[in-house]
Amino acid sequence: MHEQNKAFKNLALFDFDGTLCTKDSFTGFIFYSLSKRHIVRRGLKILPWIQGYYLNLYPAHAMRPKLYRAMFSDSDAIQVQRIAEDYAQELLTSLNPHLLNQLKAHQDLGHDIALVSASVDLYLKPVCSLLGIELICSEVEIKGQKITGFYQTADCSGEQKKMRILQRYNLQDYAAVYAYGNSAEDLAMLDLADHRFMVGTDLHLPELSRRNQSPFANSH
């Protein structure tokens, strides 16, 4: 039962690639941080999977960890993290201005905000630090100052997005939940929301109320 005098907030959930960010940040990070020679040499080892992905025969949620492992396994963690911080600064110039303004409007209203992405925490942590928001994403493993090439978590897409959100937040604590995405990988997250926006499909961003709704109006 909700506490009668509890101040209820709203929650806003933003996908990153193709939603808040206008480009594929994951592939961009590979080309930003690694030499072309390294990319070609490592890429040849997983070429059949790359071809399968572009032919829609190999799913993105399986391709991302495989590509990450091929490119970054046994890399120096400190060096990669330093590059990732520079890359995060560059990513801020590639944000969708309409979605960024919507995020800032949520901030102005005091809403809780999280970036929920299948991309990796190496550069998303500094992005979220710069934006002043929380982060749910694919987390990578580092041991002995080396990047192992493995994820610590499952690829944060599809149903994993929903599971990770529900692990982090009690949706009953929020008057309303907003979610912003751009692909089928975001549908499970969007299904959690009272107000949803799909880039490329919906024409108008959700209007944000200046006051919280009654918690008892929330169907979660």
N, C-alpha and C. Protein backbone atom coordinates (compact mmCIF):
# COMPACT_ATOMS: atom_id res chain seq x y z
N MET A 1 0.85 -1.20 0.00
CA MET A 1 0.00 0.00 0.00
C MET A 1 0.88 1.25 0.00
N HIS A 2 0.58 2.21 -0.85
CA HIS A 2 1.39 3.42 -0.93
C HIS A 2 1.20 4.26 0.33
N GLU A 3 2.28 4.89 0.77
CA GLU A 3 2.16 5.84 1.88
C GLU A 3 1.41 7.06 1.38
N GLN A 4 0.42 7.50 2.14
CA GLN A 4 -0.43 8.58 1.69
C GLN A 4 0.32 9.89 1.48
N ASN A 5 1.35 10.13 2.29
CA ASN A 5 2.05 11.42 2.21
C ASN A 5 3.36 11.33 1.44
N LYS A 6 3.58 10.23 0.74
CA LYS A 6 4.84 10.07 0.01
C LYS A 6 4.83 10.93 -1.26
N ALA A 7 5.94 11.61 -1.53
CA ALA A 7 6.07 12.43 -2.74
C ALA A 7 6.49 11.53 -3.90
N PHE A 8 5.62 11.33 -4.86
CA PHE A 8 5.90 10.43 -5.97
C PHE A 8 6.54 11.20 -7.12
N LYS A 9 7.59 10.59 -7.65
CA LYS A 9 8.29 11.17 -8.79
C LYS A 9 7.85 10.47 -10.07
N ASN A 10 8.35 10.96 -11.18
CA ASN A 10 8.23 10.27 -12.46
C ASN A 10 9.59 9.70 -12.84
N LEU A 11 9.57 8.69 -13.70
CA LEU A 11 10.79 8.03 -14.16
C LEU A 11 10.85 8.12 -15.68
N ALA A 12 12.02 8.49 -16.21
CA ALA A 12 12.22 8.57 -17.66
C ALA A 12 13.35 7.64 -18.07
N LEU A 13 13.10 6.79 -19.06
CA LEU A 13 14.05 5.79 -19.53
C LEU A 13 14.39 6.07 -20.99
N PHE A 14 15.67 6.26 -21.27
CA PHE A 14 16.10 6.59 -22.64
C PHE A 14 17.03 5.52 -23.18
N ASP A 15 16.69 4.97 -24.34
CA ASP A 15 17.66 4.19 -25.12
C ASP A 15 18.72 5.17 -25.64
N PHE A 16 19.88 4.64 -26.04
CA PHE A 16 20.95 5.53 -26.51
C PHE A 16 21.09 5.52 -28.03
N ASP A 17 21.66 4.46 -28.60
CA ASP A 17 21.92 4.45 -30.05
C ASP A 17 20.62 4.55 -30.84
N GLY A 18 20.54 5.55 -31.70
CA GLY A 18 19.37 5.73 -32.53
C GLY A 18 18.24 6.47 -31.85
N THR A 19 18.39 6.73 -30.56
CA THR A 19 17.36 7.45 -29.80
C THR A 19 17.96 8.75 -29.28
N LEU A 20 18.60 8.69 -28.12
CA LEU A 20 19.24 9.90 -27.60
C LEU A 20 20.46 10.27 -28.45
N CYS A 21 21.16 9.26 -28.96
CA CYS A 21 22.33 9.48 -29.83
C CYS A 21 21.95 9.15 -31.26
N THR A 22 22.41 9.97 -32.18
CA THR A 22 22.00 9.81 -33.58
C THR A 22 22.83 8.77 -34.33
N LYS A 23 23.85 8.21 -33.70
CA LYS A 23 24.69 7.25 -34.42
C LYS A 23 24.89 5.97 -33.63
N ASP A 24 25.52 4.98 -34.26
CA ASP A 24 25.86 3.71 -33.63
C ASP A 24 27.12 3.93 -32.79
N SER A 25 26.93 4.16 -31.51
CA SER A 25 28.07 4.49 -30.65
C SER A 25 29.01 3.32 -30.46
N PHE A 26 28.48 2.10 -30.50
CA PHE A 26 29.31 0.92 -30.26
C PHE A 26 30.32 0.72 -31.39
N THR A 27 29.83 0.73 -32.64
CA THR A 27 30.74 0.62 -33.78
C THR A 27 31.67 1.83 -33.83
N GLY A 28 31.12 3.01 -33.52
CA GLY A 28 31.94 4.22 -33.51
C GLY A 28 33.09 4.14 -32.53
N PHE A 29 32.86 3.51 -31.39
CA PHE A 29 33.91 3.39 -30.38
C PHE A 29 35.04 2.49 -30.88
N ILE A 30 34.69 1.46 -31.61
CA ILE A 30 35.72 0.57 -32.18
C ILE A 30 36.64 1.37 -33.10
N PHE A 31 36.07 2.15 -34.00
CA PHE A 31 36.88 2.90 -34.96
C PHE A 31 37.58 4.10 -34.29
N TYR A 32 37.02 4.60 -33.20
CA TYR A 32 37.63 5.73 -32.49
C TYR A 32 38.86 5.27 -31.69
N SER A 33 38.79 4.08 -31.14
CA SER A 33 39.81 3.66 -30.17
C SER A 33 40.86 2.70 -30.74
N LEU A 34 40.59 2.07 -31.88
CA LEU A 34 41.50 1.06 -32.40
C LEU A 34 42.01 1.43 -33.78
N SER A 35 43.18 0.93 -34.12
CA SER A 35 43.75 1.19 -35.45
C SER A 35 43.01 0.38 -36.51
N LYS A 36 43.03 0.87 -37.73
CA LYS A 36 42.39 0.14 -38.83
C LYS A 36 43.02 -1.25 -39.01
N ARG A 37 44.33 -1.32 -38.83
CA ARG A 37 45.01 -2.60 -38.97
C ARG A 37 44.51 -3.60 -37.93
N HIS A 38 44.37 -3.14 -36.70
CA HIS A 38 43.87 -4.00 -35.62
C HIS A 38 42.44 -4.46 -35.94
N ILE A 39 41.60 -3.53 -36.38
CA ILE A 39 40.20 -3.85 -36.67
C ILE A 39 40.11 -4.90 -37.78
N VAL A 40 40.89 -4.73 -38.84
CA VAL A 40 40.86 -5.68 -39.95
C VAL A 40 41.36 -7.04 -39.50
N ARG A 41 42.48 -7.05 -38.78
CA ARG A 41 43.08 -8.32 -38.36
C ARG A 41 42.13 -9.10 -37.45
N ARG A 42 41.55 -8.41 -36.47
CA ARG A 42 40.62 -9.08 -35.55
C ARG A 42 39.29 -9.39 -36.23
N GLY A 43 38.86 -8.48 -37.12
CA GLY A 43 37.59 -8.68 -37.80
C GLY A 43 37.57 -9.90 -38.70
N LEU A 44 38.70 -10.20 -39.31
CA LEU A 44 38.77 -11.36 -40.20
C LEU A 44 38.48 -12.66 -39.45
N LYS A 45 38.79 -12.68 -38.16
CA LYS A 45 38.59 -13.90 -37.37
C LYS A 45 37.11 -14.19 -37.13
N ILE A 46 36.28 -13.15 -37.20
CA ILE A 46 34.85 -13.36 -36.97
C ILE A 46 34.04 -12.96 -38.21
N LEU A 47 34.70 -12.96 -39.36
CA LEU A 47 34.04 -12.51 -40.59
C LEU A 47 32.74 -13.26 -40.89
N PRO A 48 32.67 -14.59 -40.71
CA PRO A 48 31.39 -15.28 -41.00
C PRO A 48 30.23 -14.73 -40.15
N TRP A 49 30.51 -14.39 -38.90
CA TRP A 49 29.46 -13.87 -38.02
C TRP A 49 29.08 -12.44 -38.43
N ILE A 50 30.07 -11.66 -38.84
CA ILE A 50 29.80 -10.31 -39.32
C ILE A 50 28.91 -10.36 -40.56
N GLN A 51 29.24 -11.25 -41.48
CA GLN A 51 28.43 -11.40 -42.68
C GLN A 51 27.03 -11.86 -42.34
N GLY A 52 26.93 -12.80 -41.41
CA GLY A 52 25.62 -13.29 -40.98
C GLY A 52 24.78 -12.20 -40.36
N TYR A 53 25.43 -11.32 -39.60
CA TYR A 53 24.71 -10.21 -38.98
C TYR A 53 24.13 -9.28 -40.05
N TYR A 54 24.94 -8.91 -41.03
CA TYR A 54 24.47 -7.99 -42.06
C TYR A 54 23.45 -8.63 -43.01
N LEU A 55 23.40 -9.96 -43.01
CA LEU A 55 22.38 -10.66 -43.79
C LEU A 55 21.15 -11.00 -42.94
N ASN A 56 21.14 -10.44 -41.70
CA ASN A 56 20.03 -10.68 -40.76
C ASN A 56 19.89 -12.16 -40.39
N LEU A 57 21.01 -12.87 -40.42
CA LEU A 57 21.01 -14.28 -40.03
C LEU A 57 21.57 -14.48 -38.63
N TYR A 58 22.22 -13.46 -38.09
CA TYR A 58 22.84 -13.54 -36.76
C TYR A 58 22.38 -12.33 -35.97
N PRO A 59 21.76 -12.53 -34.81
CA PRO A 59 21.11 -11.42 -34.10
C PRO A 59 22.09 -10.43 -33.47
N ALA A 60 21.64 -9.19 -33.35
CA ALA A 60 22.49 -8.13 -32.80
C ALA A 60 22.90 -8.42 -31.36
N HIS A 61 21.99 -8.99 -30.57
CA HIS A 61 22.32 -9.23 -29.15
C HIS A 61 23.42 -10.27 -28.99
N ALA A 62 23.62 -11.12 -29.99
CA ALA A 62 24.72 -12.09 -29.96
C ALA A 62 25.96 -11.52 -30.63
N MET A 63 25.77 -10.66 -31.62
CA MET A 63 26.89 -10.09 -32.38
C MET A 63 27.70 -9.11 -31.54
N ARG A 64 27.01 -8.29 -30.75
CA ARG A 64 27.74 -7.26 -29.99
C ARG A 64 28.80 -7.85 -29.05
N PRO A 65 28.45 -8.84 -28.20
CA PRO A 65 29.49 -9.42 -27.33
C PRO A 65 30.62 -10.08 -28.10
N LYS A 66 30.28 -10.73 -29.22
CA LYS A 66 31.30 -11.40 -30.03
C LYS A 66 32.26 -10.37 -30.65
N LEU A 67 31.69 -9.29 -31.16
CA LEU A 67 32.50 -8.23 -31.76
C LEU A 67 33.36 -7.55 -30.71
N TYR A 68 32.76 -7.29 -29.54
CA TYR A 68 33.51 -6.65 -28.45
C TYR A 68 34.70 -7.52 -28.04
N ARG A 69 34.45 -8.81 -27.87
CA ARG A 69 35.53 -9.71 -27.47
C ARG A 69 36.63 -9.75 -28.51
N ALA A 70 36.25 -9.82 -29.78
CA ALA A 70 37.25 -9.89 -30.85
C ALA A 70 38.12 -8.64 -30.87
N MET A 71 37.53 -7.48 -30.62
CA MET A 71 38.25 -6.22 -30.76
C MET A 71 39.04 -5.82 -29.52
N PHE A 72 38.50 -6.12 -28.33
CA PHE A 72 39.08 -5.54 -27.12
C PHE A 72 39.71 -6.53 -26.15
N SER A 73 39.63 -7.83 -26.39
CA SER A 73 40.19 -8.79 -25.44
C SER A 73 41.70 -8.55 -25.26
N ASP A 74 42.12 -8.58 -24.00
CA ASP A 74 43.52 -8.41 -23.60
C ASP A 74 44.06 -6.99 -23.84
N SER A 75 43.14 -6.01 -23.96
CA SER A 75 43.56 -4.61 -24.09
C SER A 75 43.87 -4.02 -22.72
N ASP A 76 44.70 -2.98 -22.71
CA ASP A 76 45.04 -2.28 -21.48
C ASP A 76 43.84 -1.46 -21.03
N ALA A 77 43.31 -1.78 -19.85
CA ALA A 77 42.07 -1.17 -19.39
C ALA A 77 42.21 0.33 -19.16
N ILE A 78 43.32 0.75 -18.58
CA ILE A 78 43.51 2.17 -18.29
C ILE A 78 43.55 2.98 -19.57
N GLN A 79 44.26 2.48 -20.56
CA GLN A 79 44.36 3.18 -21.84
C GLN A 79 42.99 3.26 -22.52
N VAL A 80 42.26 2.15 -22.54
CA VAL A 80 40.95 2.14 -23.19
C VAL A 80 39.97 3.06 -22.45
N GLN A 81 40.02 3.06 -21.13
CA GLN A 81 39.12 3.92 -20.37
C GLN A 81 39.43 5.40 -20.59
N ARG A 82 40.71 5.72 -20.76
CA ARG A 82 41.08 7.11 -21.05
C ARG A 82 40.53 7.52 -22.42
N ILE A 83 40.65 6.64 -23.40
CA ILE A 83 40.10 6.91 -24.73
C ILE A 83 38.57 7.02 -24.65
N ALA A 84 37.96 6.16 -23.84
CA ALA A 84 36.50 6.16 -23.71
C ALA A 84 35.99 7.49 -23.15
N GLU A 85 36.73 8.09 -22.24
CA GLU A 85 36.32 9.38 -21.69
C GLU A 85 36.37 10.47 -22.76
N ASP A 86 37.38 10.42 -23.62
CA ASP A 86 37.44 11.37 -24.74
C ASP A 86 36.30 11.12 -25.72
N TYR A 87 36.02 9.86 -25.95
CA TYR A 87 34.94 9.49 -26.88
C TYR A 87 33.58 9.97 -26.34
N ALA A 88 33.40 9.89 -25.03
CA ALA A 88 32.15 10.35 -24.42
C ALA A 88 31.92 11.83 -24.69
N GLN A 89 32.98 12.61 -24.62
CA GLN A 89 32.87 14.04 -24.92
C GLN A 89 32.43 14.25 -26.37
N GLU A 90 32.97 13.43 -27.28
CA GLU A 90 32.60 13.55 -28.68
C GLU A 90 31.14 13.14 -28.90
N LEU A 91 30.69 12.10 -28.18
CA LEU A 91 29.32 11.63 -28.34
C LEU A 91 28.30 12.72 -27.99
N LEU A 92 28.66 13.60 -27.07
CA LEU A 92 27.72 14.66 -26.69
C LEU A 92 27.40 15.58 -27.86
N THR A 93 28.26 15.61 -28.86
CA THR A 93 27.99 16.44 -30.05
C THR A 93 27.10 15.71 -31.05
N SER A 94 26.81 14.43 -30.78
CA SER A 94 25.99 13.63 -31.70
C SER A 94 24.62 13.29 -31.10
N LEU A 95 24.22 14.03 -30.08
CA LEU A 95 22.93 13.76 -29.46
C LEU A 95 21.80 14.40 -30.26
N ASN A 96 20.67 13.71 -30.29
CA ASN A 96 19.48 14.24 -30.95
C ASN A 96 18.98 15.44 -30.15
N PRO A 97 18.96 16.63 -30.75
CA PRO A 97 18.60 17.83 -29.97
C PRO A 97 17.19 17.77 -29.40
N HIS A 98 16.25 17.15 -30.09
CA HIS A 98 14.87 17.07 -29.58
C HIS A 98 14.79 16.15 -28.36
N LEU A 99 15.48 15.00 -28.46
CA LEU A 99 15.48 14.07 -27.32
C LEU A 99 16.28 14.62 -26.16
N LEU A 100 17.37 15.35 -26.45
CA LEU A 100 18.17 15.95 -25.40
C LEU A 100 17.36 17.02 -24.67
N ASN A 101 16.60 17.82 -25.41
CA ASN A 101 15.75 18.82 -24.77
C ASN A 101 14.68 18.16 -23.90
N GLN A 102 14.16 17.02 -24.37
CA GLN A 102 13.18 16.29 -23.57
C GLN A 102 13.80 15.77 -22.29
N LEU A 103 15.02 15.25 -22.39
CA LEU A 103 15.74 14.78 -21.20
C LEU A 103 15.93 15.92 -20.21
N LYS A 104 16.34 17.07 -20.72
CA LYS A 104 16.56 18.22 -19.84
C LYS A 104 15.25 18.69 -19.20
N ALA A 105 14.14 18.56 -19.94
CA ALA A 105 12.84 18.92 -19.38
C ALA A 105 12.48 17.99 -18.23
N HIS A 106 12.79 16.70 -18.38
CA HIS A 106 12.59 15.75 -17.28
C HIS A 106 13.44 16.17 -16.07
N GLN A 107 14.69 16.55 -16.34
CA GLN A 107 15.57 16.98 -15.24
C GLN A 107 15.03 18.20 -14.54
N ASP A 108 14.54 19.16 -15.30
CA ASP A 108 14.01 20.39 -14.71
C ASP A 108 12.82 20.11 -13.80
N LEU A 109 12.09 19.04 -14.10
CA LEU A 109 10.93 18.67 -13.29
C LEU A 109 11.30 17.73 -12.14
N GLY A 110 12.59 17.42 -12.02
CA GLY A 110 13.05 16.59 -10.91
C GLY A 110 12.79 15.10 -11.07
N HIS A 111 12.56 14.65 -12.31
CA HIS A 111 12.30 13.24 -12.54
C HIS A 111 13.58 12.41 -12.42
N ASP A 112 13.43 11.15 -12.05
CA ASP A 112 14.55 10.22 -12.11
C ASP A 112 14.74 9.83 -13.58
N ILE A 113 16.00 9.77 -14.03
CA ILE A 113 16.29 9.51 -15.44
C ILE A 113 17.39 8.47 -15.54
N ALA A 114 17.19 7.50 -16.44
CA ALA A 114 18.22 6.49 -16.68
C ALA A 114 18.40 6.26 -18.17
N LEU A 115 19.65 6.11 -18.56
CA LEU A 115 19.99 5.65 -19.90
C LEU A 115 19.98 4.13 -19.84
N VAL A 116 19.27 3.48 -20.76
CA VAL A 116 19.16 2.02 -20.77
C VAL A 116 19.61 1.55 -22.14
N SER A 117 20.81 0.95 -22.20
CA SER A 117 21.45 0.71 -23.49
C SER A 117 22.15 -0.63 -23.56
N ALA A 118 22.17 -1.20 -24.77
CA ALA A 118 22.95 -2.41 -25.02
C ALA A 118 24.42 -2.11 -25.22
N SER A 119 24.77 -0.85 -25.39
CA SER A 119 26.17 -0.47 -25.54
C SER A 119 26.90 -0.60 -24.19
N VAL A 120 28.22 -0.45 -24.21
CA VAL A 120 29.02 -0.82 -23.05
C VAL A 120 29.30 0.36 -22.12
N ASP A 121 29.56 -0.01 -20.87
CA ASP A 121 29.75 1.00 -19.83
C ASP A 121 31.06 1.77 -19.95
N LEU A 122 32.02 1.27 -20.73
CA LEU A 122 33.31 1.94 -20.85
C LEU A 122 33.14 3.42 -21.19
N TYR A 123 32.29 3.72 -22.16
CA TYR A 123 32.07 5.12 -22.52
C TYR A 123 30.71 5.66 -22.08
N LEU A 124 29.77 4.77 -21.77
CA LEU A 124 28.46 5.26 -21.32
C LEU A 124 28.50 5.80 -19.89
N LYS A 125 29.40 5.26 -19.06
CA LYS A 125 29.54 5.82 -17.71
C LYS A 125 29.93 7.30 -17.76
N PRO A 126 30.98 7.66 -18.51
CA PRO A 126 31.30 9.09 -18.59
C PRO A 126 30.23 9.91 -19.29
N VAL A 127 29.52 9.33 -20.26
CA VAL A 127 28.41 10.05 -20.90
C VAL A 127 27.35 10.40 -19.86
N CYS A 128 26.97 9.41 -19.06
CA CYS A 128 25.93 9.64 -18.05
C CYS A 128 26.40 10.57 -16.95
N SER A 129 27.68 10.51 -16.63
CA SER A 129 28.23 11.45 -15.66
C SER A 129 28.13 12.88 -16.17
N LEU A 130 28.42 13.07 -17.44
CA LEU A 130 28.33 14.41 -18.04
C LEU A 130 26.90 14.90 -18.13
N LEU A 131 25.96 13.98 -18.35
CA LEU A 131 24.55 14.36 -18.46
C LEU A 131 23.85 14.42 -17.10
N GLY A 132 24.45 13.83 -16.08
CA GLY A 132 23.86 13.83 -14.76
C GLY A 132 22.68 12.88 -14.63
N ILE A 133 22.79 11.69 -15.26
CA ILE A 133 21.71 10.71 -15.21
C ILE A 133 22.27 9.35 -14.82
N GLU A 134 21.38 8.40 -14.53
CA GLU A 134 21.78 7.06 -14.14
C GLU A 134 21.98 6.18 -15.37
N LEU A 135 22.57 5.00 -15.16
CA LEU A 135 22.94 4.14 -16.28
C LEU A 135 22.59 2.69 -16.01
N ILE A 136 21.95 2.06 -17.00
CA ILE A 136 21.76 0.62 -17.06
C ILE A 136 22.26 0.19 -18.43
N CYS A 137 23.24 -0.71 -18.49
CA CYS A 137 23.80 -1.05 -19.80
C CYS A 137 24.54 -2.38 -19.72
N SER A 138 25.16 -2.77 -20.82
CA SER A 138 26.03 -3.95 -20.86
C SER A 138 27.34 -3.60 -20.16
N GLU A 139 27.69 -4.35 -19.12
CA GLU A 139 28.87 -4.05 -18.32
C GLU A 139 29.99 -5.02 -18.66
N VAL A 140 31.19 -4.48 -18.85
CA VAL A 140 32.31 -5.31 -19.29
C VAL A 140 33.19 -5.72 -18.11
N GLU A 141 33.94 -6.77 -18.33
CA GLU A 141 34.80 -7.33 -17.29
C GLU A 141 36.23 -6.83 -17.45
N ILE A 142 36.81 -6.40 -16.32
CA ILE A 142 38.21 -5.97 -16.27
C ILE A 142 38.89 -6.71 -15.13
N LYS A 143 40.02 -7.35 -15.43
CA LYS A 143 40.77 -8.07 -14.41
C LYS A 143 42.25 -7.72 -14.54
N GLY A 144 42.86 -7.35 -13.43
CA GLY A 144 44.29 -7.06 -13.44
C GLY A 144 44.67 -5.98 -14.45
N GLN A 145 43.83 -4.96 -14.55
CA GLN A 145 44.05 -3.83 -15.46
C GLN A 145 44.05 -4.26 -16.94
N LYS A 146 43.42 -5.40 -17.20
CA LYS A 146 43.26 -5.88 -18.56
C LYS A 146 41.77 -6.08 -18.86
N ILE A 147 41.38 -5.72 -20.06
CA ILE A 147 40.03 -6.00 -20.51
C ILE A 147 39.99 -7.45 -20.98
N THR A 148 39.14 -8.25 -20.36
CA THR A 148 39.12 -9.69 -20.68
C THR A 148 38.45 -9.96 -22.01
N GLY A 149 37.57 -9.08 -22.44
CA GLY A 149 36.81 -9.32 -23.66
C GLY A 149 35.43 -9.89 -23.39
N PHE A 150 35.14 -10.16 -22.12
CA PHE A 150 33.84 -10.71 -21.75
C PHE A 150 32.96 -9.65 -21.09
N TYR A 151 31.66 -9.85 -21.18
CA TYR A 151 30.70 -9.02 -20.45
C TYR A 151 30.52 -9.58 -19.04
N GLN A 152 30.27 -8.69 -18.09
CA GLN A 152 29.88 -9.11 -16.74
C GLN A 152 28.39 -9.38 -16.66
N THR A 153 27.65 -8.79 -17.59
CA THR A 153 26.20 -8.94 -17.62
C THR A 153 25.79 -9.43 -19.00
N ALA A 154 24.53 -9.84 -19.12
CA ALA A 154 24.01 -10.17 -20.44
C ALA A 154 23.90 -8.90 -21.27
N ASP A 155 23.91 -9.05 -22.60
CA ASP A 155 23.70 -7.92 -23.49
C ASP A 155 22.39 -7.24 -23.11
N CYS A 156 22.44 -5.95 -22.83
CA CYS A 156 21.29 -5.24 -22.27
C CYS A 156 20.36 -4.77 -23.39
N SER A 157 19.62 -5.73 -23.96
CA SER A 157 18.67 -5.42 -25.02
C SER A 157 17.44 -6.29 -24.84
N GLY A 158 16.35 -5.93 -25.50
CA GLY A 158 15.14 -6.72 -25.44
C GLY A 158 14.64 -6.94 -24.03
N GLU A 159 14.35 -8.19 -23.70
CA GLU A 159 13.82 -8.52 -22.37
C GLU A 159 14.82 -8.20 -21.26
N GLN A 160 16.13 -8.21 -21.59
CA GLN A 160 17.14 -7.86 -20.59
C GLN A 160 16.96 -6.42 -20.12
N LYS A 161 16.58 -5.53 -21.03
CA LYS A 161 16.33 -4.14 -20.61
C LYS A 161 15.23 -4.11 -19.56
N LYS A 162 14.16 -4.81 -19.83
CA LYS A 162 13.04 -4.85 -18.89
C LYS A 162 13.47 -5.42 -17.54
N MET A 163 14.21 -6.53 -17.57
CA MET A 163 14.65 -7.16 -16.33
C MET A 163 15.56 -6.25 -15.52
N ARG A 164 16.49 -5.60 -16.19
CA ARG A 164 17.44 -4.73 -15.49
C ARG A 164 16.73 -3.50 -14.90
N ILE A 165 15.76 -2.97 -15.62
CA ILE A 165 14.99 -1.82 -15.11
C ILE A 165 14.23 -2.23 -13.85
N LEU A 166 13.58 -3.39 -13.89
CA LEU A 166 12.79 -3.84 -12.74
C LEU A 166 13.68 -4.21 -11.55
N GLN A 167 14.91 -4.61 -11.82
CA GLN A 167 15.86 -4.85 -10.73
C GLN A 167 16.28 -3.55 -10.06
N ARG A 168 16.39 -2.49 -10.84
CA ARG A 168 16.87 -1.20 -10.32
C ARG A 168 15.75 -0.38 -9.69
N TYR A 169 14.58 -0.40 -10.31
CA TYR A 169 13.51 0.50 -9.89
C TYR A 169 12.25 -0.26 -9.50
N ASN A 170 11.60 0.22 -8.46
CA ASN A 170 10.26 -0.24 -8.12
C ASN A 170 9.28 0.72 -8.80
N LEU A 171 8.67 0.27 -9.87
CA LEU A 171 7.83 1.17 -10.66
C LEU A 171 6.60 1.65 -9.89
N GLN A 172 6.25 0.94 -8.82
CA GLN A 172 5.14 1.40 -7.98
C GLN A 172 5.47 2.70 -7.27
N ASP A 173 6.75 3.04 -7.21
CA ASP A 173 7.17 4.28 -6.54
C ASP A 173 7.00 5.50 -7.42
N TYR A 174 6.58 5.30 -8.67
CA TYR A 174 6.51 6.42 -9.61
C TYR A 174 5.08 6.70 -10.06
N ALA A 175 4.78 7.98 -10.14
CA ALA A 175 3.46 8.39 -10.62
C ALA A 175 3.30 8.03 -12.09
N ALA A 176 4.36 8.17 -12.87
CA ALA A 176 4.31 7.85 -14.29
C ALA A 176 5.70 7.45 -14.76
N VAL A 177 5.74 6.57 -15.75
CA VAL A 177 7.00 6.12 -16.36
C VAL A 177 6.97 6.51 -17.84
N TYR A 178 8.04 7.16 -18.27
CA TYR A 178 8.22 7.55 -19.67
C TYR A 178 9.34 6.70 -20.25
N ALA A 179 9.22 6.28 -21.51
CA ALA A 179 10.28 5.51 -22.15
C ALA A 179 10.44 5.94 -23.60
N TYR A 180 11.70 6.00 -24.03
CA TYR A 180 12.04 6.47 -25.37
C TYR A 180 12.95 5.45 -26.04
N GLY A 181 12.57 4.97 -27.23
CA GLY A 181 13.37 3.98 -27.94
C GLY A 181 13.29 4.17 -29.44
N ASN A 182 13.90 3.24 -30.17
CA ASN A 182 13.90 3.38 -31.64
C ASN A 182 13.84 2.06 -32.39
N SER A 183 13.83 0.93 -31.67
CA SER A 183 13.89 -0.35 -32.38
C SER A 183 13.16 -1.43 -31.61
N ALA A 184 13.09 -2.62 -32.24
CA ALA A 184 12.44 -3.76 -31.60
C ALA A 184 13.14 -4.14 -30.29
N GLU A 185 14.43 -3.82 -30.17
CA GLU A 185 15.16 -4.13 -28.93
C GLU A 185 14.68 -3.29 -27.75
N ASP A 186 13.89 -2.26 -28.03
CA ASP A 186 13.38 -1.38 -26.97
C ASP A 186 11.94 -1.68 -26.58
N LEU A 187 11.28 -2.60 -27.28
CA LEU A 187 9.84 -2.80 -27.08
C LEU A 187 9.51 -3.26 -25.66
N ALA A 188 10.33 -4.14 -25.09
CA ALA A 188 10.06 -4.61 -23.73
C ALA A 188 10.15 -3.46 -22.73
N MET A 189 11.10 -2.55 -22.95
CA MET A 189 11.21 -1.37 -22.10
C MET A 189 10.01 -0.45 -22.29
N LEU A 190 9.62 -0.23 -23.53
CA LEU A 190 8.49 0.65 -23.81
C LEU A 190 7.20 0.11 -23.22
N ASP A 191 7.09 -1.21 -23.12
CA ASP A 191 5.88 -1.82 -22.56
C ASP A 191 5.72 -1.52 -21.06
N LEU A 192 6.80 -1.12 -20.41
CA LEU A 192 6.74 -0.76 -18.99
C LEU A 192 6.18 0.64 -18.77
N ALA A 193 6.12 1.42 -19.84
CA ALA A 193 5.86 2.85 -19.70
C ALA A 193 4.38 3.22 -19.79
N ASP A 194 4.03 4.30 -19.09
CA ASP A 194 2.72 4.93 -19.25
C ASP A 194 2.72 5.82 -20.49
N HIS A 195 3.90 6.41 -20.77
CA HIS A 195 4.05 7.31 -21.92
C HIS A 195 5.29 6.84 -22.69
N ARG A 196 5.11 6.49 -23.96
CA ARG A 196 6.21 5.92 -24.73
C ARG A 196 6.40 6.69 -26.02
N PHE A 197 7.64 6.67 -26.51
CA PHE A 197 7.96 7.35 -27.76
C PHE A 197 8.92 6.49 -28.55
N MET A 198 8.53 6.17 -29.80
CA MET A 198 9.37 5.39 -30.70
C MET A 198 9.86 6.29 -31.83
N VAL A 199 11.19 6.49 -31.87
CA VAL A 199 11.78 7.32 -32.92
C VAL A 199 11.47 6.71 -34.28
N GLY A 200 11.06 7.56 -35.23
CA GLY A 200 10.76 7.09 -36.57
C GLY A 200 9.33 6.63 -36.75
N THR A 201 8.60 6.49 -35.65
CA THR A 201 7.20 6.06 -35.71
C THR A 201 6.27 7.13 -35.13
N ASP A 202 6.57 7.56 -33.91
CA ASP A 202 5.75 8.57 -33.24
C ASP A 202 6.20 9.96 -33.65
N LEU A 203 5.23 10.83 -33.87
CA LEU A 203 5.54 12.17 -34.36
C LEU A 203 5.78 13.17 -33.25
N HIS A 204 5.15 12.98 -32.11
CA HIS A 204 5.21 13.98 -31.05
C HIS A 204 5.74 13.37 -29.76
N LEU A 205 6.69 14.05 -29.15
CA LEU A 205 7.20 13.62 -27.85
C LEU A 205 6.12 13.77 -26.79
N PRO A 206 6.12 12.92 -25.77
CA PRO A 206 5.12 13.04 -24.71
C PRO A 206 5.18 14.41 -24.02
N GLU A 207 4.03 14.96 -23.72
CA GLU A 207 3.99 16.19 -22.94
C GLU A 207 4.27 15.86 -21.49
N LEU A 208 5.06 16.71 -20.85
CA LEU A 208 5.44 16.48 -19.47
C LEU A 208 4.62 17.37 -18.55
N SER A 209 3.97 16.75 -17.62
CA SER A 209 3.15 17.51 -16.68
C SER A 209 4.03 18.24 -15.68
N ARG A 210 3.57 19.42 -15.26
CA ARG A 210 4.31 20.19 -14.26
C ARG A 210 4.10 19.66 -12.85
N ARG A 211 3.19 18.73 -12.73
CA ARG A 211 2.98 18.14 -11.42
C ARG A 211 2.85 16.63 -11.57
N ASN A 212 3.17 15.90 -10.54
CA ASN A 212 3.08 14.44 -10.58
C ASN A 212 1.62 14.01 -10.59
N GLN A 213 1.36 12.90 -11.28
CA GLN A 213 0.04 12.34 -11.27
C GLN A 213 -0.20 11.60 -9.95
N SER A 214 -1.45 11.31 -9.68
CA SER A 214 -1.76 10.50 -8.52
C SER A 214 -1.16 9.12 -8.69
N PRO A 215 -0.49 8.57 -7.68
CA PRO A 215 0.10 7.25 -7.81
C PRO A 215 -0.94 6.17 -8.06
N PHE A 216 -2.20 6.43 -7.67
CA PHE A 216 -3.24 5.42 -7.82
C PHE A 216 -3.78 5.39 -9.24
N ALA A 217 -3.34 6.37 -10.09
CA ALA A 217 -3.72 6.37 -11.50
C ALA A 217 -2.78 5.50 -12.32
N ASN A 218 -1.66 5.11 -11.68
CA ASN A 218 -0.65 4.31 -12.38
C ASN A 218 -1.05 2.84 -12.37
N SER A 219 -1.01 2.21 -13.51
CA SER A 219 -1.49 0.83 -13.63
C SER A 219 -0.43 -0.20 -13.28
N HIS A 220 0.82 0.26 -13.03
CA HIS A 220 1.89 -0.71 -12.78
C HIS A 220 1.66 -1.43 -11.45
